[in-house]
Amino acid sequence: MADQARSVGWREVLLVAGVAVGLVLGAAILTSVLPTDAQRLIFHTPLTIVVLIVGTSYVLWRIAARRPPPPEP
């Protein structure tokens, strides 16, 4: 019964995928309207790599630090 409560459906998968695509498109649009110097900073320095490493580390830390639910009586 607990497995059914934690099941993820197509709607949730499509929602997360849509949010991810929206964030990437938003970031692309945002960087396209930045001044040339700001675009150069983003594209020609390791700033993007640092942001990806920090974001991935945070997500993995949150997953690893999650405590299991208490056992049911």
Protein backbone atom coordinates (compact mmCIF):
# COMPACT_ATOMS: atom_id res chain seq x y z
CA MET A 1 0.00 0.00 0.00
CA ALA A 2 2.86 2.39 0.76
CA ASP A 3 4.31 1.81 -2.72
CA GLN A 4 1.09 2.98 -4.35
CA ALA A 5 1.09 6.20 -2.34
CA ARG A 6 4.62 7.03 -3.57
CA SER A 7 3.96 6.18 -7.22
CA VAL A 8 4.68 8.92 -9.75
CA GLY A 9 2.36 9.27 -12.71
CA TRP A 10 2.78 10.67 -16.19
CA ARG A 11 1.23 13.96 -15.17
CA GLU A 12 3.93 14.60 -12.55
CA VAL A 13 6.71 13.57 -14.94
CA LEU A 14 5.40 15.88 -17.66
CA LEU A 15 5.00 18.71 -15.16
CA VAL A 16 8.61 18.43 -13.98
CA ALA A 17 9.85 18.14 -17.58
CA GLY A 18 7.84 21.20 -18.57
CA VAL A 19 9.24 23.21 -15.67
CA ALA A 20 12.79 22.15 -16.60
CA VAL A 21 12.28 23.16 -20.24
CA GLY A 22 10.73 26.45 -19.14
CA LEU A 23 13.69 27.23 -16.87
CA VAL A 24 16.20 26.52 -19.63
CA LEU A 25 14.27 28.66 -22.13
CA GLY A 26 13.97 31.42 -19.55
CA ALA A 27 17.70 31.32 -18.88
CA ALA A 28 18.43 31.45 -22.64
CA ILE A 29 16.14 34.45 -23.09
CA LEU A 30 17.60 36.18 -20.05
CA THR A 31 21.17 35.76 -21.23
CA SER A 32 20.26 36.97 -24.72
CA VAL A 33 19.08 40.34 -23.37
CA LEU A 34 22.08 40.86 -21.07
CA PRO A 35 24.77 43.35 -22.03
CA THR A 36 27.71 41.96 -24.00
CA ASP A 37 30.06 42.09 -21.01
CA ALA A 38 27.66 40.04 -18.87
CA GLN A 39 27.23 37.52 -21.69
CA ARG A 40 31.01 37.25 -21.99
CA LEU A 41 31.26 36.58 -18.23
CA ILE A 42 28.67 33.80 -18.44
CA PHE A 43 29.90 32.12 -21.63
CA HIS A 44 33.68 32.55 -21.37
CA THR A 45 34.29 31.83 -17.70
CA PRO A 46 33.60 28.69 -15.63
CA LEU A 47 30.65 30.45 -13.94
CA THR A 48 28.06 28.15 -15.52
CA ILE A 49 30.01 25.06 -14.48
CA VAL A 50 30.26 26.34 -10.90
CA VAL A 51 26.50 27.00 -10.79
CA LEU A 52 25.78 23.49 -12.12
CA ILE A 53 28.14 21.87 -9.58
CA VAL A 54 26.66 23.82 -6.66
CA GLY A 55 23.07 23.11 -7.76
CA THR A 56 23.72 19.41 -8.30
CA SER A 57 25.51 19.13 -4.96
CA TYR A 58 22.58 20.77 -3.19
CA VAL A 59 20.03 18.44 -4.78
CA LEU A 60 22.11 15.34 -3.99
CA TRP A 61 22.66 16.54 -0.41
CA ARG A 62 18.89 17.02 0.04
CA ILE A 63 18.21 13.52 -1.29
CA ALA A 64 20.90 11.94 0.88
CA ALA A 65 19.84 13.81 4.03
CA ARG A 66 16.19 12.78 3.72
CA ARG A 67 15.12 10.74 6.70
CA PRO A 68 12.99 7.64 6.18
CA PRO A 69 9.45 7.82 7.56
CA PRO A 70 8.88 6.27 10.97
CA PRO A 71 7.64 2.68 10.90
CA GLU A 72 3.89 2.21 11.02
CA PRO A 73 2.56 0.48 14.13
